[in-house]
Amino acid sequence: MADTIDWRPMADFDPSKLEQQVHDRLNDQIIDWEPERHGKNWDQHGYRDFGGGIVEWDGLLLDGWRPSIRRAPTELIRTARRRGQAL
């Protein structure tokens, strides 16, 4: 994926929550999830299990999610330390 932060499986993704990011494998981009905008589309049009932990939604192939890094500095520090990376 785009960086070294731990991504979580889409099976655990809750589209109604704020402060999340999803990763689109097709375009290798990180999308700031906006429940009021994206969540409605998720609920109305659904999503499809693409296999291998990937979800097809709105023309994207989402392969992971995480709390927004702008709001999760503690998690970033913990992950970097666990991997022996300098900040």
Foldseek 3Di string as FASTA:
>chain_A
DLDDQDFAFPVPDDLQDAQKWWAFPVVRDIGHRDCVPVVVQCVPVNWDPPDPRWIHGPNTTTRGMDGHCVPPVVSVVVSCVVVVHDD
